[in-house]
Each structure stands twice: as structure tokens, then as C-alpha cells.
Amino acid sequence: MRDDDPVTTGSNRMKSFRISDEIWDRVHERAARDGVNNSDVVRMALLQYLNLPDPSGLAPTSHDRRSGRPARKDTTNED
């Protein structure tokens, strides 16, 4: 990644948006199961929506349809 990449640099600010309680509850439950926080889930979803790389490595690279859980990015061979 580049040092001037806006995805990896700059400040993280509090954002406000509207979402149904049902969706937010499901986000919270899923995040707890996956060991991430709600902000991570929203960040991953937006990065995927924008087709941008995830500097944290949390975003799935594919989806495991059998379990419904995201497949974690394999970073074992990265330098």
C-alpha cells in the first residue's frame, strides 16, 4: 500500500448514519461471534462496496456459503 493512501492514513472520525434496529442487532451479534467490533464490520462492508483493499486484513476475500461466515484473508505468505 502507498503511504499516501487515504484508506490507510488520516484520522478516524465519528460518523452518524441511520440503520434499522434489526440490522444493527444482527451486526452486533455477528461482530461478537467473529471477534470484531461494529466499526470493523461497517468499515469492511464499505471497503468491499467501494472495491478497496482492507489495510487491517479483516475483510473477507471470499464468502464461505456453507457456514455463512466470511473467509479470512490468508496473510501467511505476505511479506
PDB file of N, CA and C in Angstrom:
ATOM      1  N   MET A   1       0.819  -1.178   0.000  1.00  0.00           N
ATOM      2  CA  MET A   1       0.000   0.000   0.000  1.00  0.00           C
ATOM      3  C   MET A   1       0.870   1.252   0.000  1.00  0.00           C
ATOM      4  N   ARG A   2       0.349   2.295  -0.597  1.00  0.00           N
ATOM      5  CA  ARG A   2       1.074   3.556  -0.626  1.00  0.00           C
ATOM      6  C   ARG A   2       0.927   4.272   0.716  1.00  0.00           C
ATOM      7  N   ASP A   3       1.953   5.054   1.068  1.00  0.00           N
ATOM      8  CA  ASP A   3       1.904   5.811   2.313  1.00  0.00           C
ATOM      9  C   ASP A   3       0.856   6.911   2.284  1.00  0.00           C
ATOM     10  N   ASP A   4       0.498   7.384   1.077  1.00  0.00           N
ATOM     11  CA  ASP A   4      -0.482   8.464   0.973  1.00  0.00           C
ATOM     12  C   ASP A   4      -1.892   7.955   0.667  1.00  0.00           C
ATOM     13  N   ASP A   5      -2.093   6.657   0.813  1.00  0.00           N
ATOM     14  CA  ASP A   5      -3.397   6.053   0.549  1.00  0.00           C
ATOM     15  C   ASP A   5      -4.411   6.560   1.577  1.00  0.00           C
ATOM     16  N   PRO A   6      -5.517   7.205   1.142  1.00  0.00           N
ATOM     17  CA  PRO A   6      -6.483   7.745   2.101  1.00  0.00           C
ATOM     18  C   PRO A   6      -7.166   6.673   2.935  1.00  0.00           C
ATOM     19  N   VAL A   7      -7.141   5.428   2.497  1.00  0.00           N
ATOM     20  CA  VAL A   7      -7.758   4.354   3.277  1.00  0.00           C
ATOM     21  C   VAL A   7      -6.916   4.045   4.506  1.00  0.00           C
ATOM     22  N   THR A   8      -5.600   4.216   4.401  1.00  0.00           N
ATOM     23  CA  THR A   8      -4.716   3.825   5.498  1.00  0.00           C
ATOM     24  C   THR A   8      -4.176   5.007   6.292  1.00  0.00           C
ATOM     25  N   THR A   9      -4.371   6.230   5.829  1.00  0.00           N
ATOM     26  CA  THR A   9      -3.870   7.393   6.539  1.00  0.00           C
ATOM     27  C   THR A   9      -5.020   8.297   6.926  1.00  0.00           C
ATOM     28  N   GLY A  10      -4.727   9.300   7.709  1.00  0.00           N
ATOM     29  CA  GLY A  10      -5.767  10.239   8.120  1.00  0.00           C
ATOM     30  C   GLY A  10      -6.410   9.810   9.421  1.00  0.00           C
ATOM     31  N   SER A  11      -7.312  10.640   9.880  1.00  0.00           N
ATOM     32  CA  SER A  11      -7.943  10.366  11.161  1.00  0.00           C
ATOM     33  C   SER A  11      -9.244   9.601  10.954  1.00  0.00           C
ATOM     34  N   ASN A  12      -9.604   8.881  11.977  1.00  0.00           N
ATOM     35  CA  ASN A  12     -10.904   8.217  12.005  1.00  0.00           C
ATOM     36  C   ASN A  12     -11.823   9.114  12.816  1.00  0.00           C
ATOM     37  N   ARG A  13     -12.915   9.535  12.210  1.00  0.00           N
ATOM     38  CA  ARG A  13     -13.861  10.405  12.895  1.00  0.00           C
ATOM     39  C   ARG A  13     -15.162   9.663  13.129  1.00  0.00           C
ATOM     40  N   MET A  14     -15.862  10.070  14.156  1.00  0.00           N
ATOM     41  CA  MET A  14     -17.172   9.510  14.446  1.00  0.00           C
ATOM     42  C   MET A  14     -18.107   9.910  13.317  1.00  0.00           C
ATOM     43  N   LYS A  15     -18.841   8.956  12.782  1.00  0.00           N
ATOM     44  CA  LYS A  15     -19.822   9.199  11.724  1.00  0.00           C
ATOM     45  C   LYS A  15     -21.193   8.799  12.251  1.00  0.00           C
ATOM     46  N   SER A  16     -22.188   9.400  11.697  1.00  0.00           N
ATOM     47  CA  SER A  16     -23.549   9.100  12.106  1.00  0.00           C
ATOM     48  C   SER A  16     -24.341   8.664  10.879  1.00  0.00           C
ATOM     49  N   PHE A  17     -25.123   7.607  11.026  1.00  0.00           N
ATOM     50  CA  PHE A  17     -25.972   7.155   9.935  1.00  0.00           C
ATOM     51  C   PHE A  17     -27.183   6.453  10.514  1.00  0.00           C
ATOM     52  N   ARG A  18     -28.197   6.314   9.693  1.00  0.00           N
ATOM     53  CA  ARG A  18     -29.434   5.654  10.130  1.00  0.00           C
ATOM     54  C   ARG A  18     -29.438   4.213   9.642  1.00  0.00           C
ATOM     55  N   ILE A  19     -29.870   3.339  10.545  1.00  0.00           N
ATOM     56  CA  ILE A  19     -29.972   1.916  10.215  1.00  0.00           C
ATOM     57  C   ILE A  19     -31.050   1.314  11.117  1.00  0.00           C
ATOM     58  N   SER A  20     -31.771   0.346  10.610  1.00  0.00           N
ATOM     59  CA  SER A  20     -32.842  -0.247  11.416  1.00  0.00           C
ATOM     60  C   SER A  20     -32.243  -0.996  12.608  1.00  0.00           C
ATOM     61  N   ASP A  21     -33.029  -1.051  13.686  1.00  0.00           N
ATOM     62  CA  ASP A  21     -32.572  -1.779  14.874  1.00  0.00           C
ATOM     63  C   ASP A  21     -32.312  -3.248  14.563  1.00  0.00           C
ATOM     64  N   GLU A  22     -33.142  -3.829  13.693  1.00  0.00           N
ATOM     65  CA  GLU A  22     -32.978  -5.239  13.349  1.00  0.00           C
ATOM     66  C   GLU A  22     -31.618  -5.489  12.686  1.00  0.00           C
ATOM     67  N   ILE A  23     -31.259  -4.650  11.736  1.00  0.00           N
ATOM     68  CA  ILE A  23     -29.964  -4.821  11.063  1.00  0.00           C
ATOM     69  C   ILE A  23     -28.824  -4.588  12.048  1.00  0.00           C
ATOM     70  N   TRP A  24     -28.910  -3.515  12.849  1.00  0.00           N
ATOM     71  CA  TRP A  24     -27.831  -3.205  13.782  1.00  0.00           C
ATOM     72  C   TRP A  24     -27.652  -4.317  14.812  1.00  0.00           C
ATOM     73  N   ASP A  25     -28.756  -4.892  15.292  1.00  0.00           N
ATOM     74  CA  ASP A  25     -28.662  -6.010  16.237  1.00  0.00           C
ATOM     75  C   ASP A  25     -27.939  -7.194  15.607  1.00  0.00           C
ATOM     76  N   ARG A  26     -28.241  -7.458  14.337  1.00  0.00           N
ATOM     77  CA  ARG A  26     -27.571  -8.568  13.645  1.00  0.00           C
ATOM     78  C   ARG A  26     -26.091  -8.276  13.428  1.00  0.00           C
ATOM     79  N   VAL A  27     -25.759  -7.010  13.129  1.00  0.00           N
ATOM     80  CA  VAL A  27     -24.349  -6.615  13.003  1.00  0.00           C
ATOM     81  C   VAL A  27     -23.635  -6.865  14.330  1.00  0.00           C
ATOM     82  N   HIS A  28     -24.235  -6.430  15.417  1.00  0.00           N
ATOM     83  CA  HIS A  28     -23.631  -6.582  16.734  1.00  0.00           C
ATOM     84  C   HIS A  28     -23.422  -8.061  17.085  1.00  0.00           C
ATOM     85  N   GLU A  29     -24.425  -8.897  16.848  1.00  0.00           N
ATOM     86  CA  GLU A  29     -24.306 -10.333  17.124  1.00  0.00           C
ATOM     87  C   GLU A  29     -23.213 -10.973  16.284  1.00  0.00           C
ATOM     88  N   ARG A  30     -23.184 -10.648  15.010  1.00  0.00           N
ATOM     89  CA  ARG A  30     -22.193 -11.231  14.106  1.00  0.00           C
ATOM     90  C   ARG A  30     -20.781 -10.772  14.466  1.00  0.00           C
ATOM     91  N   ALA A  31     -20.645  -9.492  14.781  1.00  0.00           N
ATOM     92  CA  ALA A  31     -19.337  -8.961  15.161  1.00  0.00           C
ATOM     93  C   ALA A  31     -18.818  -9.682  16.408  1.00  0.00           C
ATOM     94  N   ALA A  32     -19.679  -9.890  17.373  1.00  0.00           N
ATOM     95  CA  ALA A  32     -19.274 -10.589  18.596  1.00  0.00           C
ATOM     96  C   ALA A  32     -18.821 -12.014  18.283  1.00  0.00           C
ATOM     97  N   ARG A  33     -19.552 -12.697  17.425  1.00  0.00           N
ATOM     98  CA  ARG A  33     -19.182 -14.066  17.032  1.00  0.00           C
ATOM     99  C   ARG A  33     -17.837 -14.099  16.317  1.00  0.00           C
ATOM    100  N   ASP A  34     -17.591 -13.081  15.471  1.00  0.00           N
ATOM    101  CA  ASP A  34     -16.368 -13.049  14.667  1.00  0.00           C
ATOM    102  C   ASP A  34     -15.193 -12.399  15.389  1.00  0.00           C
ATOM    103  N   GLY A  35     -15.427 -11.880  16.592  1.00  0.00           N
ATOM    104  CA  GLY A  35     -14.348 -11.282  17.368  1.00  0.00           C
ATOM    105  C   GLY A  35     -13.891  -9.929  16.853  1.00  0.00           C
ATOM    106  N   VAL A  36     -14.819  -9.167  16.273  1.00  0.00           N
ATOM    107  CA  VAL A  36     -14.515  -7.817  15.798  1.00  0.00           C
ATOM    108  C   VAL A  36     -15.547  -6.867  16.404  1.00  0.00           C
ATOM    109  N   ASN A  37     -15.366  -5.569  16.211  1.00  0.00           N
ATOM    110  CA  ASN A  37     -16.361  -4.633  16.735  1.00  0.00           C
ATOM    111  C   ASN A  37     -17.248  -4.114  15.598  1.00  0.00           C
ATOM    112  N   ASN A  38     -18.296  -3.395  15.984  1.00  0.00           N
ATOM    113  CA  ASN A  38     -19.259  -2.908  14.990  1.00  0.00           C
ATOM    114  C   ASN A  38     -18.596  -1.993  13.966  1.00  0.00           C
ATOM    115  N   SER A  39     -17.660  -1.169  14.404  1.00  0.00           N
ATOM    116  CA  SER A  39     -16.958  -0.276  13.471  1.00  0.00           C
ATOM    117  C   SER A  39     -16.183  -1.074  12.431  1.00  0.00           C
ATOM    118  N   ASP A  40     -15.569  -2.178  12.859  1.00  0.00           N
ATOM    119  CA  ASP A  40     -14.849  -3.040  11.909  1.00  0.00           C
ATOM    120  C   ASP A  40     -15.792  -3.585  10.847  1.00  0.00           C
ATOM    121  N   VAL A  41     -16.983  -4.000  11.276  1.00  0.00           N
ATOM    122  CA  VAL A  41     -17.958  -4.562  10.334  1.00  0.00           C
ATOM    123  C   VAL A  41     -18.375  -3.510   9.308  1.00  0.00           C
ATOM    124  N   VAL A  42     -18.689  -2.314   9.773  1.00  0.00           N
ATOM    125  CA  VAL A  42     -19.104  -1.245   8.864  1.00  0.00           C
ATOM    126  C   VAL A  42     -17.958  -0.887   7.924  1.00  0.00           C
ATOM    127  N   ARG A  43     -16.747  -0.779   8.469  1.00  0.00           N
ATOM    128  CA  ARG A  43     -15.574  -0.445   7.642  1.00  0.00           C
ATOM    129  C   ARG A  43     -15.358  -1.508   6.565  1.00  0.00           C
ATOM    130  N   MET A  44     -15.432  -2.796   6.955  1.00  0.00           N
ATOM    131  CA  MET A  44     -15.246  -3.879   5.980  1.00  0.00           C
ATOM    132  C   MET A  44     -16.312  -3.820   4.888  1.00  0.00           C
ATOM    133  N   ALA A  45     -17.552  -3.579   5.285  1.00  0.00           N
ATOM    134  CA  ALA A  45     -18.639  -3.535   4.308  1.00  0.00           C
ATOM    135  C   ALA A  45     -18.442  -2.383   3.324  1.00  0.00           C
ATOM    136  N   LEU A  46     -18.046  -1.227   3.838  1.00  0.00           N
ATOM    137  CA  LEU A  46     -17.840  -0.082   2.949  1.00  0.00           C
ATOM    138  C   LEU A  46     -16.652  -0.292   2.022  1.00  0.00           C
ATOM    139  N   LEU A  47     -15.583  -0.876   2.532  1.00  0.00           N
ATOM    140  CA  LEU A  47     -14.425  -1.162   1.681  1.00  0.00           C
ATOM    141  C   LEU A  47     -14.792  -2.139   0.581  1.00  0.00           C
ATOM    142  N   GLN A  48     -15.558  -3.170   0.922  1.00  0.00           N
ATOM    143  CA  GLN A  48     -15.995  -4.122  -0.097  1.00  0.00           C
ATOM    144  C   GLN A  48     -16.908  -3.444  -1.110  1.00  0.00           C
ATOM    145  N   TYR A  49     -17.819  -2.613  -0.642  1.00  0.00           N
ATOM    146  CA  TYR A  49     -18.746  -1.900  -1.521  1.00  0.00           C
ATOM    147  C   TYR A  49     -17.990  -1.015  -2.505  1.00  0.00           C
ATOM    148  N   LEU A  50     -16.927  -0.380  -2.033  1.00  0.00           N
ATOM    149  CA  LEU A  50     -16.122   0.507  -2.866  1.00  0.00           C
ATOM    150  C   LEU A  50     -15.003  -0.215  -3.602  1.00  0.00           C
ATOM    151  N   ASN A  51     -14.912  -1.519  -3.389  1.00  0.00           N
ATOM    152  CA  ASN A  51     -13.878  -2.346  -4.017  1.00  0.00           C
ATOM    153  C   ASN A  51     -12.466  -1.827  -3.695  1.00  0.00           C
ATOM    154  N   LEU A  52     -12.256  -1.509  -2.412  1.00  0.00           N
ATOM    155  CA  LEU A  52     -10.965  -1.042  -1.937  1.00  0.00           C
ATOM    156  C   LEU A  52     -10.317  -2.110  -1.065  1.00  0.00           C
ATOM    157  N   PRO A  53      -8.998  -2.144  -1.015  1.00  0.00           N
ATOM    158  CA  PRO A  53      -8.322  -3.123  -0.163  1.00  0.00           C
ATOM    159  C   PRO A  53      -8.522  -2.785   1.313  1.00  0.00           C
ATOM    160  N   ASP A  54      -8.495  -3.799   2.155  1.00  0.00           N
ATOM    161  CA  ASP A  54      -8.639  -3.600   3.591  1.00  0.00           C
ATOM    162  C   ASP A  54      -7.261  -3.636   4.235  1.00  0.00           C
ATOM    163  N   PRO A  55      -6.747  -2.502   4.693  1.00  0.00           N
ATOM    164  CA  PRO A  55      -5.417  -2.480   5.287  1.00  0.00           C
ATOM    165  C   PRO A  55      -5.320  -3.279   6.582  1.00  0.00           C
ATOM    166  N   SER A  56      -6.458  -3.531   7.242  1.00  0.00           N
ATOM    167  CA  SER A  56      -6.430  -4.277   8.504  1.00  0.00           C
ATOM    168  C   SER A  56      -6.345  -5.779   8.271  1.00  0.00           C
ATOM    169  N   GLY A  57      -6.700  -6.231   7.059  1.00  0.00           N
ATOM    170  CA  GLY A  57      -6.706  -7.666   6.791  1.00  0.00           C
ATOM    171  C   GLY A  57      -7.917  -8.383   7.351  1.00  0.00           C
ATOM    172  N   LEU A  58      -8.886  -7.652   7.873  1.00  0.00           N
ATOM    173  CA  LEU A  58     -10.078  -8.267   8.451  1.00  0.00           C
ATOM    174  C   LEU A  58     -11.129  -8.634   7.417  1.00  0.00           C
ATOM    175  N   ALA A  59     -11.179  -7.868   6.330  1.00  0.00           N
ATOM    176  CA  ALA A  59     -12.230  -8.093   5.330  1.00  0.00           C
ATOM    177  C   ALA A  59     -12.029  -9.430   4.649  1.00  0.00           C
ATOM    178  N   PRO A  60     -13.117 -10.153   4.444  1.00  0.00           N
ATOM    179  CA  PRO A  60     -13.007 -11.440   3.762  1.00  0.00           C
ATOM    180  C   PRO A  60     -12.633 -11.266   2.297  1.00  0.00           C
ATOM    181  N   THR A  61     -11.892 -12.221   1.779  1.00  0.00           N
ATOM    182  CA  THR A  61     -11.570 -12.206   0.357  1.00  0.00           C
ATOM    183  C   THR A  61     -12.575 -13.038  -0.413  1.00  0.00           C
ATOM    184  N   SER A  62     -13.285 -13.895   0.272  1.00  0.00           N
ATOM    185  CA  SER A  62     -14.354 -14.676  -0.336  1.00  0.00           C
ATOM    186  C   SER A  62     -15.356 -15.001   0.759  1.00  0.00           C
ATOM    187  N   HIS A  63     -16.475 -15.561   0.378  1.00  0.00           N
ATOM    188  CA  HIS A  63     -17.525 -15.870   1.342  1.00  0.00           C
ATOM    189  C   HIS A  63     -17.751 -17.365   1.374  1.00  0.00           C
ATOM    190  N   ASP A  64     -17.729 -17.926   2.563  1.00  0.00           N
ATOM    191  CA  ASP A  64     -17.987 -19.350   2.724  1.00  0.00           C
ATOM    192  C   ASP A  64     -19.496 -19.541   2.796  1.00  0.00           C
ATOM    193  N   ARG A  65     -20.086 -19.998   1.711  1.00  0.00           N
ATOM    194  CA  ARG A  65     -21.540 -20.118   1.638  1.00  0.00           C
ATOM    195  C   ARG A  65     -22.089 -21.210   2.553  1.00  0.00           C
ATOM    196  N   ARG A  66     -21.284 -22.200   2.886  1.00  0.00           N
ATOM    197  CA  ARG A  66     -21.785 -23.270   3.757  1.00  0.00           C
ATOM    198  C   ARG A  66     -22.045 -22.760   5.169  1.00  0.00           C
ATOM    199  N   SER A  67     -21.120 -21.994   5.727  1.00  0.00           N
ATOM    200  CA  SER A  67     -21.279 -21.534   7.095  1.00  0.00           C
ATOM    201  C   SER A  67     -21.911 -20.154   7.168  1.00  0.00           C
ATOM    202  N   GLY A  68     -21.890 -19.418   6.045  1.00  0.00           N
ATOM    203  CA  GLY A  68     -22.393 -18.059   6.069  1.00  0.00           C
ATOM    204  C   GLY A  68     -21.423 -17.087   6.696  1.00  0.00           C
ATOM    205  N   ARG A  69     -20.233 -17.547   7.037  1.00  0.00           N
ATOM    206  CA  ARG A  69     -19.231 -16.695   7.662  1.00  0.00           C
ATOM    207  C   ARG A  69     -18.197 -16.285   6.631  1.00  0.00           C
ATOM    208  N   PRO A  70     -17.627 -15.099   6.805  1.00  0.00           N
ATOM    209  CA  PRO A  70     -16.601 -14.659   5.858  1.00  0.00           C
ATOM    210  C   PRO A  70     -15.339 -15.489   5.999  1.00  0.00           C
ATOM    211  N   ALA A  71     -14.692 -15.723   4.877  1.00  0.00           N
ATOM    212  CA  ALA A  71     -13.398 -16.392   4.882  1.00  0.00           C
ATOM    213  C   ALA A  71     -12.341 -15.339   5.136  1.00  0.00           C
ATOM    214  N   ARG A  72     -11.500 -15.560   6.121  1.00  0.00           N
ATOM    215  CA  ARG A  72     -10.469 -14.576   6.450  1.00  0.00           C
ATOM    216  C   ARG A  72      -9.379 -14.574   5.401  1.00  0.00           C
ATOM    217  N   LYS A  73      -8.801 -13.422   5.205  1.00  0.00           N
ATOM    218  CA  LYS A  73      -7.718 -13.252   4.253  1.00  0.00           C
ATOM    219  C   LYS A  73      -6.493 -14.007   4.758  1.00  0.00           C
ATOM    220  N   ASP A  74      -5.865 -14.795   3.899  1.00  0.00           N
ATOM    221  CA  ASP A  74      -4.666 -15.541   4.264  1.00  0.00           C
ATOM    222  C   ASP A  74      -3.475 -14.624   4.126  1.00  0.00           C
ATOM    223  N   THR A  75      -2.817 -14.305   5.241  1.00  0.00           N
ATOM    224  CA  THR A  75      -1.662 -13.419   5.228  1.00  0.00           C
ATOM    225  C   THR A  75      -0.377 -14.153   5.560  1.00  0.00           C
ATOM    226  N   THR A  76      -0.397 -15.479   5.547  1.00  0.00           N
ATOM    227  CA  THR A  76       0.762 -16.249   5.966  1.00  0.00           C
ATOM    228  C   THR A  76       1.936 -16.120   4.992  1.00  0.00           C
ATOM    229  N   ASN A  77       1.678 -15.859   3.725  1.00  0.00           N
ATOM    230  CA  ASN A  77       2.745 -15.781   2.735  1.00  0.00           C
ATOM    231  C   ASN A  77       3.075 -14.365   2.301  1.00  0.00           C
ATOM    232  N   GLU A  78       2.513 -13.364   3.014  1.00  0.00           N
ATOM    233  CA  GLU A  78       2.780 -11.974   2.657  1.00  0.00           C
ATOM    234  C   GLU A  78       4.010 -11.481   3.373  1.00  0.00           C
ATOM    235  N   ASP A  79       4.779 -10.608   2.711  1.00  0.00           N
ATOM    236  CA  ASP A  79       5.975 -10.040   3.332  1.00  0.00           C
ATOM    237  C   ASP A  79       5.664  -8.790   4.089  1.00  0.00           C
TER     238      ASP A  79
END
